[in-house]
Amino acid sequence: QVQLAESGGGLVQPGGSLRLSCAASGIIFSIYTMAWYRQAPGKQRELVAHITSGGSTNYADSVKGRFTISRDNAKNTVYVQMNSLKTEDTAVYYCNAVSERRPTIFWGQGTQVTVSS
């Protein structure tokens, strides 16, 4: 059974940092593009960043220069390091896995990130 387990969310002050992790099981992790999405209250879910199997990355304009996505294929885990957090980064963050070989998509359950003083 496929599982994407996010962790690392919490409450942080503006300007602070958090690192989210997403541990995948039940998939051949190395052939998946991994991504982080977020959804704030009353807003649509949006892409934060993604990383391909080859390590190419892409970021939303709103997080460029502040967030860094990375992956460890040996640990079947994708990370996002979030620095200089702003109140507008407050959202539920979701891990996403898209196979690069077949039309298969998986989602995690999400982890709450709250940026507040």
PDB file of N, CA and C in Angstrom:
ATOM      1  N   GLN A   1       0.841  -1.192   0.000  1.00  0.00           N
ATOM      2  CA  GLN A   1       0.000   0.000   0.000  1.00  0.00           C
ATOM      3  C   GLN A   1       0.881   1.249   0.000  1.00  0.00           C
ATOM      4  N   VAL A   2       0.502   2.216  -0.820  1.00  0.00           N
ATOM      5  CA  VAL A   2       1.286   3.433  -0.942  1.00  0.00           C
ATOM      6  C   VAL A   2       0.980   4.363   0.217  1.00  0.00           C
ATOM      7  N   GLN A   3       2.022   4.936   0.774  1.00  0.00           N
ATOM      8  CA  GLN A   3       1.852   5.923   1.833  1.00  0.00           C
ATOM      9  C   GLN A   3       2.883   7.029   1.667  1.00  0.00           C
ATOM     10  N   LEU A   4       2.402   8.266   1.777  1.00  0.00           N
ATOM     11  CA  LEU A   4       3.269   9.433   1.837  1.00  0.00           C
ATOM     12  C   LEU A   4       3.021  10.074   3.197  1.00  0.00           C
ATOM     13  N   ALA A   5       4.022  10.044   4.040  1.00  0.00           N
ATOM     14  CA  ALA A   5       3.866  10.509   5.425  1.00  0.00           C
ATOM     15  C   ALA A   5       4.645  11.799   5.628  1.00  0.00           C
ATOM     16  N   GLU A   6       3.912  12.915   5.756  1.00  0.00           N
ATOM     17  CA  GLU A   6       4.555  14.213   5.999  1.00  0.00           C
ATOM     18  C   GLU A   6       4.813  14.404   7.482  1.00  0.00           C
ATOM     19  N   SER A   7       5.859  15.157   7.776  1.00  0.00           N
ATOM     20  CA  SER A   7       6.173  15.529   9.151  1.00  0.00           C
ATOM     21  C   SER A   7       6.960  16.830   9.141  1.00  0.00           C
ATOM     22  N   GLY A   8       7.038  17.456  10.309  1.00  0.00           N
ATOM     23  CA  GLY A   8       7.852  18.657  10.447  1.00  0.00           C
ATOM     24  C   GLY A   8       7.077  19.958  10.521  1.00  0.00           C
ATOM     25  N   GLY A   9       5.766  19.897  10.365  1.00  0.00           N
ATOM     26  CA  GLY A   9       4.981  21.111  10.459  1.00  0.00           C
ATOM     27  C   GLY A   9       4.891  21.621  11.885  1.00  0.00           C
ATOM     28  N   GLY A  10       4.358  22.821  12.029  1.00  0.00           N
ATOM     29  CA  GLY A  10       4.200  23.388  13.368  1.00  0.00           C
ATOM     30  C   GLY A  10       4.005  24.883  13.321  1.00  0.00           C
ATOM     31  N   LEU A  11       4.175  25.491  14.482  1.00  0.00           N
ATOM     32  CA  LEU A  11       4.033  26.933  14.641  1.00  0.00           C
ATOM     33  C   LEU A  11       5.417  27.578  14.685  1.00  0.00           C
ATOM     34  N   VAL A  12       5.588  28.613  13.888  1.00  0.00           N
ATOM     35  CA  VAL A  12       6.876  29.308  13.847  1.00  0.00           C
ATOM     36  C   VAL A  12       6.618  30.801  13.695  1.00  0.00           C
ATOM     37  N   GLN A  13       7.515  31.597  14.225  1.00  0.00           N
ATOM     38  CA  GLN A  13       7.377  33.052  14.113  1.00  0.00           C
ATOM     39  C   GLN A  13       7.820  33.518  12.730  1.00  0.00           C
ATOM     40  N   PRO A  14       7.305  34.655  12.292  1.00  0.00           N
ATOM     41  CA  PRO A  14       7.779  35.218  11.017  1.00  0.00           C
ATOM     42  C   PRO A  14       9.296  35.372  11.018  1.00  0.00           C
ATOM     43  N   GLY A  15       9.906  35.016   9.897  1.00  0.00           N
ATOM     44  CA  GLY A  15      11.360  35.032   9.800  1.00  0.00           C
ATOM     45  C   GLY A  15      12.017  33.737  10.197  1.00  0.00           C
ATOM     46  N   GLY A  16      11.256  32.832  10.766  1.00  0.00           N
ATOM     47  CA  GLY A  16      11.796  31.561  11.213  1.00  0.00           C
ATOM     48  C   GLY A  16      11.901  30.537  10.094  1.00  0.00           C
ATOM     49  N   SER A  17      12.312  29.329  10.494  1.00  0.00           N
ATOM     50  CA  SER A  17      12.535  28.247   9.533  1.00  0.00           C
ATOM     51  C   SER A  17      11.863  26.958   9.991  1.00  0.00           C
ATOM     52  N   LEU A  18      11.521  26.146   9.026  1.00  0.00           N
ATOM     53  CA  LEU A  18      11.021  24.796   9.273  1.00  0.00           C
ATOM     54  C   LEU A  18      11.516  23.907   8.140  1.00  0.00           C
ATOM     55  N   ARG A  19      11.677  22.624   8.434  1.00  0.00           N
ATOM     56  CA  ARG A  19      11.963  21.648   7.388  1.00  0.00           C
ATOM     57  C   ARG A  19      10.888  20.571   7.419  1.00  0.00           C
ATOM     58  N   LEU A  20      10.198  20.445   6.307  1.00  0.00           N
ATOM     59  CA  LEU A  20       9.200  19.398   6.175  1.00  0.00           C
ATOM     60  C   LEU A  20       9.827  18.173   5.518  1.00  0.00           C
ATOM     61  N   SER A  21       9.370  17.014   5.950  1.00  0.00           N
ATOM     62  CA  SER A  21       9.820  15.749   5.365  1.00  0.00           C
ATOM     63  C   SER A  21       8.617  14.956   4.882  1.00  0.00           C
ATOM     64  N   CYS A  22       8.836  14.174   3.851  1.00  0.00           N
ATOM     65  CA  CYS A  22       7.791  13.283   3.339  1.00  0.00           C
ATOM     66  C   CYS A  22       8.448  11.942   3.041  1.00  0.00           C
ATOM     67  N   ALA A  23       8.104  10.971   3.845  1.00  0.00           N
ATOM     68  CA  ALA A  23       8.646   9.625   3.664  1.00  0.00           C
ATOM     69  C   ALA A  23       7.667   8.788   2.855  1.00  0.00           C
ATOM     70  N   ALA A  24       8.141   8.231   1.758  1.00  0.00           N
ATOM     71  CA  ALA A  24       7.286   7.451   0.863  1.00  0.00           C
ATOM     72  C   ALA A  24       7.525   5.965   1.062  1.00  0.00           C
ATOM     73  N   SER A  25       6.457   5.205   0.966  1.00  0.00           N
ATOM     74  CA  SER A  25       6.552   3.748   0.999  1.00  0.00           C
ATOM     75  C   SER A  25       5.562   3.168   0.005  1.00  0.00           C
ATOM     76  N   GLY A  26       5.892   1.990  -0.520  1.00  0.00           N
ATOM     77  CA  GLY A  26       4.992   1.333  -1.458  1.00  0.00           C
ATOM     78  C   GLY A  26       5.142   1.777  -2.900  1.00  0.00           C
ATOM     79  N   ILE A  27       6.134   2.629  -3.180  1.00  0.00           N
ATOM     80  CA  ILE A  27       6.388   3.059  -4.555  1.00  0.00           C
ATOM     81  C   ILE A  27       7.876   2.936  -4.852  1.00  0.00           C
ATOM     82  N   ILE A  28       8.197   2.906  -6.153  1.00  0.00           N
ATOM     83  CA  ILE A  28       9.604   2.960  -6.558  1.00  0.00           C
ATOM     84  C   ILE A  28       9.972   4.435  -6.587  1.00  0.00           C
ATOM     85  N   PHE A  29      10.426   4.922  -5.463  1.00  0.00           N
ATOM     86  CA  PHE A  29      10.597   6.355  -5.229  1.00  0.00           C
ATOM     87  C   PHE A  29      11.430   7.018  -6.320  1.00  0.00           C
ATOM     88  N   SER A  30      12.436   6.336  -6.798  1.00  0.00           N
ATOM     89  CA  SER A  30      13.405   6.973  -7.705  1.00  0.00           C
ATOM     90  C   SER A  30      12.825   7.327  -9.067  1.00  0.00           C
ATOM     91  N   ILE A  31      11.653   6.815  -9.417  1.00  0.00           N
ATOM     92  CA  ILE A  31      11.069   7.131 -10.726  1.00  0.00           C
ATOM     93  C   ILE A  31       9.919   8.126 -10.617  1.00  0.00           C
ATOM     94  N   TYR A  32       9.772   8.708  -9.442  1.00  0.00           N
ATOM     95  CA  TYR A  32       8.699   9.669  -9.222  1.00  0.00           C
ATOM     96  C   TYR A  32       9.236  11.088  -9.138  1.00  0.00           C
ATOM     97  N   THR A  33       8.513  12.014  -9.778  1.00  0.00           N
ATOM     98  CA  THR A  33       8.686  13.424  -9.477  1.00  0.00           C
ATOM     99  C   THR A  33       7.950  13.687  -8.177  1.00  0.00           C
ATOM    100  N   MET A  34       8.642  14.303  -7.252  1.00  0.00           N
ATOM    101  CA  MET A  34       8.065  14.607  -5.935  1.00  0.00           C
ATOM    102  C   MET A  34       7.812  16.108  -5.821  1.00  0.00           C
ATOM    103  N   ALA A  35       6.753  16.450  -5.148  1.00  0.00           N
ATOM    104  CA  ALA A  35       6.394  17.866  -5.048  1.00  0.00           C
ATOM    105  C   ALA A  35       5.778  18.170  -3.694  1.00  0.00           C
ATOM    106  N   TRP A  36       5.808  19.429  -3.359  1.00  0.00           N
ATOM    107  CA  TRP A  36       5.086  19.975  -2.217  1.00  0.00           C
ATOM    108  C   TRP A  36       4.050  20.963  -2.739  1.00  0.00           C
ATOM    109  N   TYR A  37       2.834  20.821  -2.260  1.00  0.00           N
ATOM    110  CA  TYR A  37       1.751  21.761  -2.506  1.00  0.00           C
ATOM    111  C   TYR A  37       1.312  22.327  -1.164  1.00  0.00           C
ATOM    112  N   ARG A  38       0.568  23.411  -1.222  1.00  0.00           N
ATOM    113  CA  ARG A  38      -0.013  23.956  -0.004  1.00  0.00           C
ATOM    114  C   ARG A  38      -1.400  24.512  -0.293  1.00  0.00           C
ATOM    115  N   GLN A  39      -2.190  24.520   0.757  1.00  0.00           N
ATOM    116  CA  GLN A  39      -3.547  25.066   0.656  1.00  0.00           C
ATOM    117  C   GLN A  39      -3.847  25.878   1.902  1.00  0.00           C
ATOM    118  N   ALA A  40      -4.054  27.164   1.683  1.00  0.00           N
ATOM    119  CA  ALA A  40      -4.418  28.063   2.775  1.00  0.00           C
ATOM    120  C   ALA A  40      -5.935  28.110   2.886  1.00  0.00           C
ATOM    121  N   PRO A  41      -6.450  28.484   4.041  1.00  0.00           N
ATOM    122  CA  PRO A  41      -7.909  28.551   4.219  1.00  0.00           C
ATOM    123  C   PRO A  41      -8.562  29.438   3.164  1.00  0.00           C
ATOM    124  N   GLY A  42      -9.582  28.913   2.509  1.00  0.00           N
ATOM    125  CA  GLY A  42     -10.324  29.682   1.522  1.00  0.00           C
ATOM    126  C   GLY A  42      -9.634  29.828   0.184  1.00  0.00           C
ATOM    127  N   LYS A  43      -8.491  29.162   0.004  1.00  0.00           N
ATOM    128  CA  LYS A  43      -7.750  29.288  -1.251  1.00  0.00           C
ATOM    129  C   LYS A  43      -7.578  27.920  -1.909  1.00  0.00           C
ATOM    130  N   GLN A  44      -7.258  27.942  -3.183  1.00  0.00           N
ATOM    131  CA  GLN A  44      -7.011  26.699  -3.904  1.00  0.00           C
ATOM    132  C   GLN A  44      -5.626  26.148  -3.551  1.00  0.00           C
ATOM    133  N   ARG A  45      -5.503  24.842  -3.697  1.00  0.00           N
ATOM    134  CA  ARG A  45      -4.204  24.217  -3.494  1.00  0.00           C
ATOM    135  C   ARG A  45      -3.245  24.697  -4.590  1.00  0.00           C
ATOM    136  N   GLU A  46      -2.012  25.007  -4.192  1.00  0.00           N
ATOM    137  CA  GLU A  46      -1.051  25.522  -5.156  1.00  0.00           C
ATOM    138  C   GLU A  46       0.281  24.796  -5.033  1.00  0.00           C
ATOM    139  N   LEU A  47       0.980  24.715  -6.151  1.00  0.00           N
ATOM    140  CA  LEU A  47       2.300  24.092  -6.157  1.00  0.00           C
ATOM    141  C   LEU A  47       3.305  24.990  -5.448  1.00  0.00           C
ATOM    142  N   VAL A  48       4.085  24.408  -4.567  1.00  0.00           N
ATOM    143  CA  VAL A  48       5.165  25.136  -3.894  1.00  0.00           C
ATOM    144  C   VAL A  48       6.484  24.883  -4.620  1.00  0.00           C
ATOM    145  N   ALA A  49       6.791  23.592  -4.822  1.00  0.00           N
ATOM    146  CA  ALA A  49       8.043  23.216  -5.477  1.00  0.00           C
ATOM    147  C   ALA A  49       7.959  21.769  -5.912  1.00  0.00           C
ATOM    148  N   HIS A  50       8.726  21.430  -6.944  1.00  0.00           N
ATOM    149  CA  HIS A  50       8.835  20.031  -7.296  1.00  0.00           C
ATOM    150  C   HIS A  50      10.265  19.689  -7.650  1.00  0.00           C
ATOM    151  N   ILE A  51      10.570  18.391  -7.584  1.00  0.00           N
ATOM    152  CA  ILE A  51      11.896  17.891  -7.929  1.00  0.00           C
ATOM    153  C   ILE A  51      11.723  16.595  -8.709  1.00  0.00           C
ATOM    154  N   THR A  52      12.363  16.538  -9.870  1.00  0.00           N
ATOM    155  CA  THR A  52      12.231  15.357 -10.714  1.00  0.00           C
ATOM    156  C   THR A  52      13.151  14.231 -10.238  1.00  0.00           C
ATOM    157  N   SER A  53      13.015  13.098 -10.861  1.00  0.00           N
ATOM    158  CA  SER A  53      13.885  11.978 -10.514  1.00  0.00           C
ATOM    159  C   SER A  53      15.346  12.309 -10.774  1.00  0.00           C
ATOM    160  N   GLY A  54      15.578  13.182 -11.743  1.00  0.00           N
ATOM    161  CA  GLY A  54      16.940  13.573 -12.066  1.00  0.00           C
ATOM    162  C   GLY A  54      17.471  14.730 -11.251  1.00  0.00           C
ATOM    163  N   GLY A  55      16.619  15.268 -10.387  1.00  0.00           N
ATOM    164  CA  GLY A  55      17.056  16.346  -9.494  1.00  0.00           C
ATOM    165  C   GLY A  55      16.749  17.751  -9.972  1.00  0.00           C
ATOM    166  N   SER A  56      16.064  17.887 -11.102  1.00  0.00           N
ATOM    167  CA  SER A  56      15.674  19.228 -11.546  1.00  0.00           C
ATOM    168  C   SER A  56      14.575  19.755 -10.648  1.00  0.00           C
ATOM    169  N   THR A  57      14.669  21.044 -10.351  1.00  0.00           N
ATOM    170  CA  THR A  57      13.717  21.642  -9.420  1.00  0.00           C
ATOM    171  C   THR A  57      12.975  22.816 -10.050  1.00  0.00           C
ATOM    172  N   ASN A  58      11.809  23.103  -9.472  1.00  0.00           N
ATOM    173  CA  ASN A  58      11.015  24.246  -9.902  1.00  0.00           C
ATOM    174  C   ASN A  58      10.297  24.782  -8.685  1.00  0.00           C
ATOM    175  N   TYR A  59      10.175  26.106  -8.605  1.00  0.00           N
ATOM    176  CA  TYR A  59       9.576  26.739  -7.432  1.00  0.00           C
ATOM    177  C   TYR A  59       8.509  27.738  -7.839  1.00  0.00           C
ATOM    178  N   ALA A  60       7.523  27.885  -6.980  1.00  0.00           N
ATOM    179  CA  ALA A  60       6.584  28.982  -7.132  1.00  0.00           C
ATOM    180  C   ALA A  60       7.321  30.296  -6.911  1.00  0.00           C
ATOM    181  N   ASP A  61       6.921  31.325  -7.627  1.00  0.00           N
ATOM    182  CA  ASP A  61       7.588  32.619  -7.491  1.00  0.00           C
ATOM    183  C   ASP A  61       7.569  33.109  -6.049  1.00  0.00           C
ATOM    184  N   SER A  62       6.504  32.801  -5.338  1.00  0.00           N
ATOM    185  CA  SER A  62       6.335  33.316  -3.979  1.00  0.00           C
ATOM    186  C   SER A  62       7.327  32.723  -2.984  1.00  0.00           C
ATOM    187  N   VAL A  63       7.982  31.609  -3.336  1.00  0.00           N
ATOM    188  CA  VAL A  63       8.908  30.974  -2.402  1.00  0.00           C
ATOM    189  C   VAL A  63      10.342  30.933  -2.917  1.00  0.00           C
ATOM    190  N   LYS A  64      10.571  31.390  -4.131  1.00  0.00           N
ATOM    191  CA  LYS A  64      11.921  31.360  -4.688  1.00  0.00           C
ATOM    192  C   LYS A  64      12.888  32.136  -3.805  1.00  0.00           C
ATOM    193  N   GLY A  65      14.039  31.525  -3.562  1.00  0.00           N
ATOM    194  CA  GLY A  65      15.047  32.159  -2.725  1.00  0.00           C
ATOM    195  C   GLY A  65      14.848  31.921  -1.242  1.00  0.00           C
ATOM    196  N   ARG A  66      13.696  31.375  -0.857  1.00  0.00           N
ATOM    197  CA  ARG A  66      13.431  31.110   0.564  1.00  0.00           C
ATOM    198  C   ARG A  66      13.283  29.609   0.850  1.00  0.00           C
ATOM    199  N   PHE A  67      12.720  28.870  -0.099  1.00  0.00           N
ATOM    200  CA  PHE A  67      12.480  27.439   0.093  1.00  0.00           C
ATOM    201  C   PHE A  67      13.439  26.637  -0.788  1.00  0.00           C
ATOM    202  N   THR A  68      13.845  25.479  -0.294  1.00  0.00           N
ATOM    203  CA  THR A  68      14.689  24.576  -1.068  1.00  0.00           C
ATOM    204  C   THR A  68      14.144  23.162  -0.953  1.00  0.00           C
ATOM    205  N   ILE A  69      13.853  22.561  -2.096  1.00  0.00           N
ATOM    206  CA  ILE A  69      13.372  21.183  -2.123  1.00  0.00           C
ATOM    207  C   ILE A  69      14.552  20.267  -2.418  1.00  0.00           C
ATOM    208  N   SER A  70      14.554  19.103  -1.794  1.00  0.00           N
ATOM    209  CA  SER A  70      15.616  18.120  -2.027  1.00  0.00           C
ATOM    210  C   SER A  70      15.035  16.725  -1.819  1.00  0.00           C
ATOM    211  N   ARG A  71      15.774  15.725  -2.279  1.00  0.00           N
ATOM    212  CA  ARG A  71      15.311  14.354  -2.112  1.00  0.00           C
ATOM    213  C   ARG A  71      16.486  13.452  -1.774  1.00  0.00           C
ATOM    214  N   ASP A  72      16.187  12.397  -1.036  1.00  0.00           N
ATOM    215  CA  ASP A  72      17.170  11.381  -0.695  1.00  0.00           C
ATOM    216  C   ASP A  72      16.576  10.052  -1.149  1.00  0.00           C
ATOM    217  N   ASN A  73      17.012   9.563  -2.295  1.00  0.00           N
ATOM    218  CA  ASN A  73      16.432   8.332  -2.842  1.00  0.00           C
ATOM    219  C   ASN A  73      16.751   7.114  -1.971  1.00  0.00           C
ATOM    220  N   ALA A  74      17.858   7.153  -1.255  1.00  0.00           N
ATOM    221  CA  ALA A  74      18.199   6.031  -0.377  1.00  0.00           C
ATOM    222  C   ALA A  74      17.230   5.921   0.795  1.00  0.00           C
ATOM    223  N   LYS A  75      16.634   7.061   1.175  1.00  0.00           N
ATOM    224  CA  LYS A  75      15.691   7.078   2.301  1.00  0.00           C
ATOM    225  C   LYS A  75      14.252   7.214   1.843  1.00  0.00           C
ATOM    226  N   ASN A  76      14.022   7.247   0.511  1.00  0.00           N
ATOM    227  CA  ASN A  76      12.662   7.428  -0.024  1.00  0.00           C
ATOM    228  C   ASN A  76      11.981   8.646   0.590  1.00  0.00           C
ATOM    229  N   THR A  77      12.713   9.722   0.693  1.00  0.00           N
ATOM    230  CA  THR A  77      12.217  10.903   1.386  1.00  0.00           C
ATOM    231  C   THR A  77      12.492  12.163   0.578  1.00  0.00           C
ATOM    232  N   VAL A  78      11.511  13.056   0.578  1.00  0.00           N
ATOM    233  CA  VAL A  78      11.664  14.377  -0.016  1.00  0.00           C
ATOM    234  C   VAL A  78      11.519  15.409   1.096  1.00  0.00           C
ATOM    235  N   TYR A  79      12.264  16.477   0.977  1.00  0.00           N
ATOM    236  CA  TYR A  79      12.277  17.524   1.990  1.00  0.00           C
ATOM    237  C   TYR A  79      11.969  18.875   1.349  1.00  0.00           C
ATOM    238  N   VAL A  80      11.518  19.788   2.180  1.00  0.00           N
ATOM    239  CA  VAL A  80      11.516  21.182   1.784  1.00  0.00           C
ATOM    240  C   VAL A  80      11.997  21.997   2.980  1.00  0.00           C
ATOM    241  N   GLN A  81      13.082  22.695   2.776  1.00  0.00           N
ATOM    242  CA  GLN A  81      13.621  23.596   3.789  1.00  0.00           C
ATOM    243  C   GLN A  81      12.990  24.958   3.555  1.00  0.00           C
ATOM    244  N   MET A  82      12.324  25.479   4.568  1.00  0.00           N
ATOM    245  CA  MET A  82      11.604  26.743   4.437  1.00  0.00           C
ATOM    246  C   MET A  82      12.243  27.763   5.366  1.00  0.00           C
ATOM    247  N   ASN A  83      12.814  28.784   4.784  1.00  0.00           N
ATOM    248  CA  ASN A  83      13.471  29.849   5.544  1.00  0.00           C
ATOM    249  C   ASN A  83      12.738  31.173   5.347  1.00  0.00           C
ATOM    250  N   SER A  84      13.025  32.111   6.199  1.00  0.00           N
ATOM    251  CA  SER A  84      12.419  33.449   6.106  1.00  0.00           C
ATOM    252  C   SER A  84      10.906  33.349   5.944  1.00  0.00           C
ATOM    253  N   LEU A  85      10.299  32.556   6.781  1.00  0.00           N
ATOM    254  CA  LEU A  85       8.865  32.308   6.660  1.00  0.00           C
ATOM    255  C   LEU A  85       8.054  33.569   6.920  1.00  0.00           C
ATOM    256  N   LYS A  86       6.955  33.671   6.164  1.00  0.00           N
ATOM    257  CA  LYS A  86       6.056  34.813   6.249  1.00  0.00           C
ATOM    258  C   LYS A  86       4.680  34.322   6.689  1.00  0.00           C
ATOM    259  N   THR A  87       3.872  35.237   7.200  1.00  0.00           N
ATOM    260  CA  THR A  87       2.534  34.848   7.630  1.00  0.00           C
ATOM    261  C   THR A  87       1.738  34.249   6.470  1.00  0.00           C
ATOM    262  N   GLU A  88       1.999  34.728   5.266  1.00  0.00           N
ATOM    263  CA  GLU A  88       1.275  34.208   4.108  1.00  0.00           C
ATOM    264  C   GLU A  88       1.703  32.796   3.699  1.00  0.00           C
ATOM    265  N   ASP A  89       2.717  32.252   4.345  1.00  0.00           N
ATOM    266  CA  ASP A  89       3.098  30.863   4.111  1.00  0.00           C
ATOM    267  C   ASP A  89       2.248  29.897   4.936  1.00  0.00           C
ATOM    268  N   THR A  90       1.422  30.435   5.800  1.00  0.00           N
ATOM    269  CA  THR A  90       0.550  29.599   6.611  1.00  0.00           C
ATOM    270  C   THR A  90      -0.398  28.793   5.726  1.00  0.00           C
ATOM    271  N   ALA A  91      -0.376  27.482   5.888  1.00  0.00           N
ATOM    272  CA  ALA A  91      -1.191  26.600   5.050  1.00  0.00           C
ATOM    273  C   ALA A  91      -0.995  25.158   5.512  1.00  0.00           C
ATOM    274  N   VAL A  92      -1.816  24.287   4.969  1.00  0.00           N
ATOM    275  CA  VAL A  92      -1.551  22.850   5.072  1.00  0.00           C
ATOM    276  C   VAL A  92      -0.671  22.476   3.883  1.00  0.00           C
ATOM    277  N   TYR A  93       0.438  21.836   4.168  1.00  0.00           N
ATOM    278  CA  TYR A  93       1.389  21.452   3.133  1.00  0.00           C
ATOM    279  C   TYR A  93       1.238  19.959   2.825  1.00  0.00           C
ATOM    280  N   TYR A  94       1.124  19.662   1.540  1.00  0.00           N
ATOM    281  CA  TYR A  94       0.884  18.292   1.088  1.00  0.00           C
ATOM    282  C   TYR A  94       2.049  17.790   0.238  1.00  0.00           C
ATOM    283  N   CYS A  95       2.404  16.563   0.460  1.00  0.00           N
ATOM    284  CA  CYS A  95       3.390  15.878  -0.366  1.00  0.00           C
ATOM    285  C   CYS A  95       2.669  15.211  -1.535  1.00  0.00           C
ATOM    286  N   ASN A  96       3.314  15.225  -2.691  1.00  0.00           N
ATOM    287  CA  ASN A  96       2.716  14.699  -3.913  1.00  0.00           C
ATOM    288  C   ASN A  96       3.766  13.888  -4.658  1.00  0.00           C
ATOM    289  N   ALA A  97       3.335  12.755  -5.208  1.00  0.00           N
ATOM    290  CA  ALA A  97       4.229  11.913  -5.995  1.00  0.00           C
ATOM    291  C   ALA A  97       3.582  11.612  -7.339  1.00  0.00           C
ATOM    292  N   VAL A  98       4.292  11.881  -8.411  1.00  0.00           N
ATOM    293  CA  VAL A  98       3.800  11.632  -9.765  1.00  0.00           C
ATOM    294  C   VAL A  98       4.801  10.727 -10.480  1.00  0.00           C
ATOM    295  N   SER A  99       4.315   9.589 -10.931  1.00  0.00           N
ATOM    296  CA  SER A  99       5.200   8.679 -11.648  1.00  0.00           C
ATOM    297  C   SER A  99       5.621   9.282 -12.985  1.00  0.00           C
ATOM    298  N   GLU A 100       6.877   9.111 -13.334  1.00  0.00           N
ATOM    299  CA  GLU A 100       7.381   9.591 -14.618  1.00  0.00           C
ATOM    300  C   GLU A 100       7.228   8.537 -15.706  1.00  0.00           C
ATOM    301  N   ARG A 101       6.607   7.397 -15.372  1.00  0.00           N
ATOM    302  CA  ARG A 101       6.490   6.311 -16.346  1.00  0.00           C
ATOM    303  C   ARG A 101       5.045   5.878 -16.598  1.00  0.00           C
ATOM    304  N   ARG A 102       4.151   6.293 -15.750  1.00  0.00           N
ATOM    305  CA  ARG A 102       2.746   5.928 -15.952  1.00  0.00           C
ATOM    306  C   ARG A 102       1.877   6.972 -15.272  1.00  0.00           C
ATOM    307  N   PRO A 103       0.589   7.077 -15.659  1.00  0.00           N
ATOM    308  CA  PRO A 103      -0.285   8.117 -15.079  1.00  0.00           C
ATOM    309  C   PRO A 103      -0.732   7.769 -13.666  1.00  0.00           C
ATOM    310  N   THR A 104       0.174   7.941 -12.717  1.00  0.00           N
ATOM    311  CA  THR A 104      -0.104   7.589 -11.329  1.00  0.00           C
ATOM    312  C   THR A 104       0.280   8.744 -10.429  1.00  0.00           C
ATOM    313  N   ILE A 105      -0.632   9.132  -9.564  1.00  0.00           N
ATOM    314  CA  ILE A 105      -0.416  10.254  -8.648  1.00  0.00           C
ATOM    315  C   ILE A 105      -0.838   9.831  -7.249  1.00  0.00           C
ATOM    316  N   PHE A 106      -0.035  10.209  -6.274  1.00  0.00           N
ATOM    317  CA  PHE A 106      -0.370   9.960  -4.875  1.00  0.00           C
ATOM    318  C   PHE A 106      -0.224  11.241  -4.066  1.00  0.00           C
ATOM    319  N   TRP A 107      -1.019  11.339  -3.005  1.00  0.00           N
ATOM    320  CA  TRP A 107      -0.991  12.492  -2.106  1.00  0.00           C
ATOM    321  C   TRP A 107      -0.814  12.027  -0.666  1.00  0.00           C
ATOM    322  N   GLY A 108      -0.132  12.861   0.109  1.00  0.00           N
ATOM    323  CA  GLY A 108      -0.081  12.655   1.538  1.00  0.00           C
ATOM    324  C   GLY A 108      -1.280  13.287   2.207  1.00  0.00           C
ATOM    325  N   GLN A 109      -1.343  13.140   3.540  1.00  0.00           N
ATOM    326  CA  GLN A 109      -2.481  13.665   4.303  1.00  0.00           C
ATOM    327  C   GLN A 109      -2.320  15.136   4.659  1.00  0.00           C
ATOM    328  N   GLY A 110      -1.114  15.645   4.569  1.00  0.00           N
ATOM    329  CA  GLY A 110      -0.881  17.050   4.853  1.00  0.00           C
ATOM    330  C   GLY A 110      -0.349  17.302   6.252  1.00  0.00           C
ATOM    331  N   THR A 111       0.386  18.401   6.375  1.00  0.00           N
ATOM    332  CA  THR A 111       0.895  18.839   7.668  1.00  0.00           C
ATOM    333  C   THR A 111       0.706  20.350   7.772  1.00  0.00           C
ATOM    334  N   GLN A 112       0.252  20.795   8.920  1.00  0.00           N
ATOM    335  CA  GLN A 112      -0.060  22.210   9.107  1.00  0.00           C
ATOM    336  C   GLN A 112       1.197  23.012   9.409  1.00  0.00           C
ATOM    337  N   VAL A 113       1.346  24.109   8.702  1.00  0.00           N
ATOM    338  CA  VAL A 113       2.397  25.087   8.989  1.00  0.00           C
ATOM    339  C   VAL A 113       1.708  26.411   9.304  1.00  0.00           C
ATOM    340  N   THR A 114       1.986  26.939  10.476  1.00  0.00           N
ATOM    341  CA  THR A 114       1.410  28.212  10.893  1.00  0.00           C
ATOM    342  C   THR A 114       2.536  29.174  11.213  1.00  0.00           C
ATOM    343  N   VAL A 115       2.520  30.304  10.528  1.00  0.00           N
ATOM    344  CA  VAL A 115       3.532  31.344  10.758  1.00  0.00           C
ATOM    345  C   VAL A 115       2.826  32.521  11.416  1.00  0.00           C
ATOM    346  N   SER A 116       3.163  32.742  12.669  1.00  0.00           N
ATOM    347  CA  SER A 116       2.465  33.761  13.438  1.00  0.00           C
ATOM    348  C   SER A 116       3.327  34.218  14.610  1.00  0.00           C
ATOM    349  N   SER A 117       3.173  35.492  14.956  1.00  0.00           N
ATOM    350  CA  SER A 117       3.881  36.007  16.123  1.00  0.00           C
ATOM    351  C   SER A 117       3.000  35.907  17.363  1.00  0.00           C
TER     352      SER A 117
END
